Amino acid sequence: MIHEKIFQLKSGREVKVVVKGYFLHDNPQLSTEYEILIKEPKEKYFRTAIGTNHPQYWKMRRSSVQQAKLIMLEYSGISQRQVNQAITEFNRVLSFPAAAIGLQYERELM
């Protein structure tokens, strides 16, 4: 399941937090992860905050997963509280009965 939330920053930048939930083969619990994408006012599409031509790209590539996420948060312009808000909304959507039926079906496919 995927949930997207877009935050408007005062600078005009839009930041999209994409929360993804999936089942691991050996674990009945739902695992979640998130991705952060940005769009400047004059841009048409969302992109990653730190691309291959960004000076901090190699620093991020050498970092652990947690450190890389913190660097991405810093350069995107949103706070951990806003990411947590998107994750909370994702979990709230999962609590709806229709979502539970879809997740049960997905679990059976694994």
N, C-alpha and C. Protein backbone atom coordinates (compact mmCIF):
# COMPACT_ATOMS: atom_id res chain seq x y z
N MET A 1 0.85 -1.17 0.00
CA MET A 1 0.00 0.00 0.00
C MET A 1 0.89 1.24 0.00
N ILE A 2 0.47 2.28 -0.66
CA ILE A 2 1.24 3.52 -0.77
C ILE A 2 0.36 4.69 -0.37
N HIS A 3 0.94 5.61 0.42
CA HIS A 3 0.25 6.83 0.83
C HIS A 3 1.17 8.00 0.53
N GLU A 4 0.65 9.04 -0.12
CA GLU A 4 1.45 10.22 -0.45
C GLU A 4 0.86 11.44 0.22
N LYS A 5 1.73 12.27 0.78
CA LYS A 5 1.30 13.53 1.40
C LYS A 5 2.23 14.62 0.91
N ILE A 6 1.65 15.74 0.46
CA ILE A 6 2.43 16.86 -0.06
C ILE A 6 2.36 18.01 0.92
N PHE A 7 3.54 18.54 1.27
CA PHE A 7 3.65 19.69 2.16
C PHE A 7 4.09 20.90 1.35
N GLN A 8 3.43 22.04 1.55
CA GLN A 8 3.80 23.30 0.91
C GLN A 8 4.70 24.06 1.88
N LEU A 9 5.91 24.42 1.47
CA LEU A 9 6.81 25.19 2.31
C LEU A 9 6.67 26.67 1.99
N LYS A 10 7.10 27.52 2.91
CA LYS A 10 6.98 28.97 2.71
C LYS A 10 7.78 29.45 1.50
N SER A 11 8.83 28.74 1.15
CA SER A 11 9.66 29.12 0.01
C SER A 11 8.99 28.83 -1.34
N GLY A 12 7.86 28.13 -1.31
CA GLY A 12 7.17 27.76 -2.54
C GLY A 12 7.47 26.32 -2.95
N ARG A 13 8.46 25.73 -2.34
CA ARG A 13 8.81 24.34 -2.62
C ARG A 13 7.72 23.42 -2.10
N GLU A 14 7.47 22.36 -2.85
CA GLU A 14 6.55 21.32 -2.41
C GLU A 14 7.38 20.08 -2.09
N VAL A 15 7.07 19.46 -0.97
CA VAL A 15 7.77 18.24 -0.55
C VAL A 15 6.74 17.13 -0.43
N LYS A 16 6.99 16.04 -1.14
CA LYS A 16 6.09 14.89 -1.11
C LYS A 16 6.74 13.78 -0.29
N VAL A 17 6.00 13.28 0.69
CA VAL A 17 6.44 12.14 1.48
C VAL A 17 5.62 10.94 1.00
N VAL A 18 6.31 9.93 0.50
CA VAL A 18 5.67 8.72 0.00
C VAL A 18 5.93 7.61 1.02
N VAL A 19 4.86 7.16 1.68
CA VAL A 19 4.97 6.09 2.68
C VAL A 19 4.51 4.80 2.02
N LYS A 20 5.36 3.78 2.11
CA LYS A 20 5.06 2.49 1.50
C LYS A 20 5.00 1.43 2.58
N GLY A 21 3.99 0.58 2.52
CA GLY A 21 3.85 -0.53 3.44
C GLY A 21 3.85 -1.83 2.67
N TYR A 22 4.58 -2.80 3.17
CA TYR A 22 4.65 -4.09 2.49
C TYR A 22 4.89 -5.20 3.51
N PHE A 23 4.58 -6.41 3.10
CA PHE A 23 4.78 -7.58 3.95
C PHE A 23 6.07 -8.27 3.55
N LEU A 24 6.85 -8.68 4.54
CA LEU A 24 8.02 -9.50 4.29
C LEU A 24 7.58 -10.95 4.23
N HIS A 25 8.29 -11.77 3.51
CA HIS A 25 7.90 -13.17 3.32
C HIS A 25 7.83 -13.94 4.63
N ASP A 26 8.74 -13.68 5.55
CA ASP A 26 8.82 -14.46 6.77
C ASP A 26 8.20 -13.77 7.99
N ASN A 27 7.54 -12.65 7.78
CA ASN A 27 7.01 -11.88 8.90
C ASN A 27 5.58 -11.43 8.59
N PRO A 28 4.62 -11.73 9.46
CA PRO A 28 3.24 -11.31 9.19
C PRO A 28 2.99 -9.81 9.46
N GLN A 29 3.96 -9.12 10.05
CA GLN A 29 3.81 -7.69 10.34
C GLN A 29 4.05 -6.86 9.08
N LEU A 30 3.37 -5.74 9.00
CA LEU A 30 3.54 -4.81 7.89
C LEU A 30 4.78 -3.96 8.13
N SER A 31 5.68 -3.91 7.18
CA SER A 31 6.87 -3.06 7.27
C SER A 31 6.62 -1.79 6.49
N THR A 32 7.07 -0.66 7.02
CA THR A 32 6.88 0.61 6.33
C THR A 32 8.22 1.29 6.08
N GLU A 33 8.26 2.06 5.03
CA GLU A 33 9.41 2.91 4.74
C GLU A 33 8.88 4.15 4.03
N TYR A 34 9.69 5.18 3.98
CA TYR A 34 9.24 6.41 3.32
C TYR A 34 10.32 6.94 2.40
N GLU A 35 9.86 7.75 1.43
CA GLU A 35 10.73 8.38 0.46
C GLU A 35 10.34 9.86 0.42
N ILE A 36 11.32 10.73 0.24
CA ILE A 36 11.06 12.17 0.19
C ILE A 36 11.42 12.69 -1.19
N LEU A 37 10.48 13.40 -1.81
CA LEU A 37 10.67 14.00 -3.13
C LEU A 37 10.36 15.49 -3.02
N ILE A 38 11.02 16.31 -3.85
CA ILE A 38 10.78 17.76 -3.82
C ILE A 38 10.43 18.26 -5.21
N LYS A 39 9.78 19.42 -5.23
CA LYS A 39 9.47 20.10 -6.49
C LYS A 39 9.58 21.59 -6.23
N GLU A 40 10.46 22.24 -6.94
CA GLU A 40 10.63 23.68 -6.83
C GLU A 40 9.47 24.36 -7.57
N PRO A 41 9.20 25.65 -7.28
CA PRO A 41 8.05 26.33 -7.90
C PRO A 41 8.01 26.29 -9.43
N LYS A 42 9.16 26.35 -10.09
CA LYS A 42 9.17 26.38 -11.55
C LYS A 42 9.29 25.00 -12.18
N GLU A 43 9.43 23.97 -11.36
CA GLU A 43 9.57 22.61 -11.89
C GLU A 43 8.21 21.97 -12.10
N LYS A 44 8.17 21.02 -13.01
CA LYS A 44 6.91 20.36 -13.35
C LYS A 44 6.72 19.06 -12.57
N TYR A 45 7.82 18.36 -12.26
CA TYR A 45 7.73 17.05 -11.64
C TYR A 45 8.53 17.00 -10.33
N PHE A 46 8.16 16.05 -9.49
CA PHE A 46 8.89 15.83 -8.25
C PHE A 46 10.19 15.07 -8.55
N ARG A 47 11.21 15.30 -7.72
CA ARG A 47 12.50 14.64 -7.87
C ARG A 47 13.12 14.45 -6.49
N THR A 48 14.19 13.69 -6.41
CA THR A 48 14.86 13.51 -5.13
C THR A 48 15.58 14.81 -4.76
N ALA A 49 15.72 15.05 -3.47
CA ALA A 49 16.34 16.30 -3.01
C ALA A 49 17.83 16.32 -3.33
N ILE A 50 18.47 15.17 -3.25
CA ILE A 50 19.91 15.08 -3.51
C ILE A 50 20.12 14.12 -4.67
N GLY A 51 20.45 14.68 -5.82
CA GLY A 51 20.72 13.86 -7.00
C GLY A 51 22.21 13.62 -7.16
N THR A 52 22.59 12.97 -8.25
CA THR A 52 24.00 12.62 -8.46
C THR A 52 24.90 13.84 -8.63
N ASN A 53 24.35 14.97 -9.05
CA ASN A 53 25.16 16.17 -9.24
C ASN A 53 25.20 17.07 -8.00
N HIS A 54 24.55 16.67 -6.93
CA HIS A 54 24.53 17.45 -5.69
C HIS A 54 25.85 17.22 -4.93
N PRO A 55 26.43 18.26 -4.33
CA PRO A 55 27.71 18.09 -3.61
C PRO A 55 27.64 17.10 -2.44
N GLN A 56 26.48 16.92 -1.85
CA GLN A 56 26.35 16.01 -0.70
C GLN A 56 26.00 14.58 -1.12
N TYR A 57 25.91 14.31 -2.41
CA TYR A 57 25.48 12.98 -2.88
C TYR A 57 26.41 11.88 -2.37
N TRP A 58 27.71 12.07 -2.51
CA TRP A 58 28.64 11.01 -2.12
C TRP A 58 28.70 10.85 -0.61
N LYS A 59 28.51 11.93 0.11
CA LYS A 59 28.44 11.84 1.57
C LYS A 59 27.24 10.98 1.97
N MET A 60 26.13 11.19 1.30
CA MET A 60 24.93 10.43 1.59
C MET A 60 25.10 8.95 1.20
N ARG A 61 25.75 8.68 0.08
CA ARG A 61 25.94 7.31 -0.38
C ARG A 61 26.83 6.51 0.58
N ARG A 62 27.79 7.19 1.24
CA ARG A 62 28.68 6.50 2.16
C ARG A 62 28.07 6.32 3.54
N SER A 63 26.98 6.99 3.81
CA SER A 63 26.34 6.96 5.13
C SER A 63 25.48 5.72 5.29
N SER A 64 25.11 5.46 6.55
CA SER A 64 24.16 4.37 6.80
C SER A 64 22.78 4.81 6.32
N VAL A 65 21.85 3.89 6.31
CA VAL A 65 20.50 4.18 5.83
C VAL A 65 19.86 5.27 6.69
N GLN A 66 20.00 5.18 8.00
CA GLN A 66 19.41 6.17 8.90
C GLN A 66 20.04 7.55 8.70
N GLN A 67 21.36 7.59 8.57
CA GLN A 67 22.04 8.87 8.36
C GLN A 67 21.66 9.47 7.01
N ALA A 68 21.52 8.64 6.00
CA ALA A 68 21.13 9.13 4.68
C ALA A 68 19.73 9.73 4.73
N LYS A 69 18.81 9.11 5.49
CA LYS A 69 17.46 9.66 5.62
C LYS A 69 17.49 11.01 6.33
N LEU A 70 18.35 11.15 7.34
CA LEU A 70 18.47 12.43 8.04
C LEU A 70 19.03 13.52 7.12
N ILE A 71 20.00 13.17 6.28
CA ILE A 71 20.56 14.13 5.33
C ILE A 71 19.48 14.54 4.33
N MET A 72 18.69 13.57 3.86
CA MET A 72 17.62 13.86 2.91
C MET A 72 16.57 14.78 3.54
N LEU A 73 16.25 14.53 4.82
CA LEU A 73 15.30 15.40 5.53
C LEU A 73 15.83 16.82 5.61
N GLU A 74 17.10 16.95 5.95
CA GLU A 74 17.71 18.27 6.10
C GLU A 74 17.66 19.06 4.80
N TYR A 75 17.98 18.42 3.68
CA TYR A 75 18.02 19.13 2.40
C TYR A 75 16.65 19.30 1.75
N SER A 76 15.66 18.55 2.19
CA SER A 76 14.33 18.72 1.62
C SER A 76 13.61 19.92 2.22
N GLY A 77 13.89 20.22 3.49
CA GLY A 77 13.27 21.37 4.13
C GLY A 77 12.11 21.03 5.05
N ILE A 78 11.77 19.76 5.23
CA ILE A 78 10.69 19.41 6.15
C ILE A 78 11.28 18.80 7.42
N SER A 79 10.45 18.70 8.43
CA SER A 79 10.90 18.20 9.72
C SER A 79 10.50 16.74 9.92
N GLN A 80 11.10 16.13 10.91
CA GLN A 80 10.74 14.75 11.25
C GLN A 80 9.28 14.69 11.70
N ARG A 81 8.78 15.76 12.33
CA ARG A 81 7.38 15.81 12.76
C ARG A 81 6.45 15.69 11.57
N GLN A 82 6.77 16.33 10.46
CA GLN A 82 5.93 16.25 9.26
C GLN A 82 5.98 14.86 8.65
N VAL A 83 7.13 14.22 8.67
CA VAL A 83 7.23 12.84 8.18
C VAL A 83 6.39 11.93 9.06
N ASN A 84 6.48 12.14 10.37
CA ASN A 84 5.69 11.34 11.30
C ASN A 84 4.20 11.54 11.07
N GLN A 85 3.80 12.75 10.70
CA GLN A 85 2.40 13.03 10.41
C GLN A 85 1.94 12.20 9.21
N ALA A 86 2.76 12.11 8.16
CA ALA A 86 2.41 11.31 6.98
C ALA A 86 2.32 9.83 7.34
N ILE A 87 3.23 9.35 8.19
CA ILE A 87 3.20 7.95 8.62
C ILE A 87 1.96 7.67 9.46
N THR A 88 1.58 8.62 10.32
CA THR A 88 0.37 8.47 11.13
C THR A 88 -0.87 8.39 10.25
N GLU A 89 -0.94 9.22 9.22
CA GLU A 89 -2.06 9.16 8.28
C GLU A 89 -2.10 7.82 7.57
N PHE A 90 -0.93 7.30 7.19
CA PHE A 90 -0.85 6.00 6.55
C PHE A 90 -1.42 4.92 7.48
N ASN A 91 -1.02 4.95 8.73
CA ASN A 91 -1.51 3.96 9.70
C ASN A 91 -3.00 4.11 9.94
N ARG A 92 -3.51 5.34 9.90
CA ARG A 92 -4.94 5.58 10.09
C ARG A 92 -5.74 5.00 8.92
N VAL A 93 -5.21 5.15 7.71
CA VAL A 93 -5.88 4.59 6.54
C VAL A 93 -5.90 3.06 6.63
N LEU A 94 -4.83 2.48 7.14
CA LEU A 94 -4.78 1.03 7.29
C LEU A 94 -5.82 0.51 8.26
N SER A 95 -6.27 1.34 9.17
CA SER A 95 -7.24 0.89 10.16
C SER A 95 -8.66 0.82 9.59
N PHE A 96 -8.91 1.38 8.41
CA PHE A 96 -10.23 1.29 7.79
C PHE A 96 -10.51 -0.16 7.39
N PRO A 97 -11.74 -0.62 7.52
CA PRO A 97 -12.07 -2.03 7.18
C PRO A 97 -11.74 -2.40 5.74
N ALA A 98 -11.98 -1.51 4.80
CA ALA A 98 -11.70 -1.84 3.40
C ALA A 98 -10.20 -2.06 3.18
N ALA A 99 -9.38 -1.28 3.85
CA ALA A 99 -7.92 -1.45 3.74
C ALA A 99 -7.50 -2.78 4.33
N ALA A 100 -8.12 -3.19 5.41
CA ALA A 100 -7.79 -4.48 6.04
C ALA A 100 -8.09 -5.64 5.10
N ILE A 101 -9.18 -5.55 4.35
CA ILE A 101 -9.52 -6.60 3.38
C ILE A 101 -8.45 -6.68 2.30
N GLY A 102 -8.04 -5.53 1.78
CA GLY A 102 -6.99 -5.51 0.75
C GLY A 102 -5.68 -6.04 1.27
N LEU A 103 -5.33 -5.70 2.51
CA LEU A 103 -4.07 -6.19 3.08
C LEU A 103 -4.13 -7.69 3.32
N GLN A 104 -5.28 -8.20 3.72
CA GLN A 104 -5.42 -9.64 3.92
C GLN A 104 -5.20 -10.38 2.60
N TYR A 105 -5.76 -9.83 1.53
CA TYR A 105 -5.59 -10.44 0.21
C TYR A 105 -4.12 -10.40 -0.20
N GLU A 106 -3.44 -9.27 0.05
CA GLU A 106 -2.03 -9.14 -0.30
C GLU A 106 -1.19 -10.14 0.51
N ARG A 107 -1.51 -10.32 1.77
CA ARG A 107 -0.78 -11.26 2.62
C ARG A 107 -0.94 -12.68 2.09
N GLU A 108 -2.14 -13.03 1.62
CA GLU A 108 -2.38 -14.37 1.09
C GLU A 108 -1.62 -14.61 -0.21
N LEU A 109 -1.36 -13.57 -0.99
CA LEU A 109 -0.61 -13.73 -2.22
C LEU A 109 0.86 -14.07 -1.96
N MET A 110 1.35 -13.66 -0.82
CA MET A 110 2.76 -13.92 -0.48
C MET A 110 2.89 -15.35 -0.20
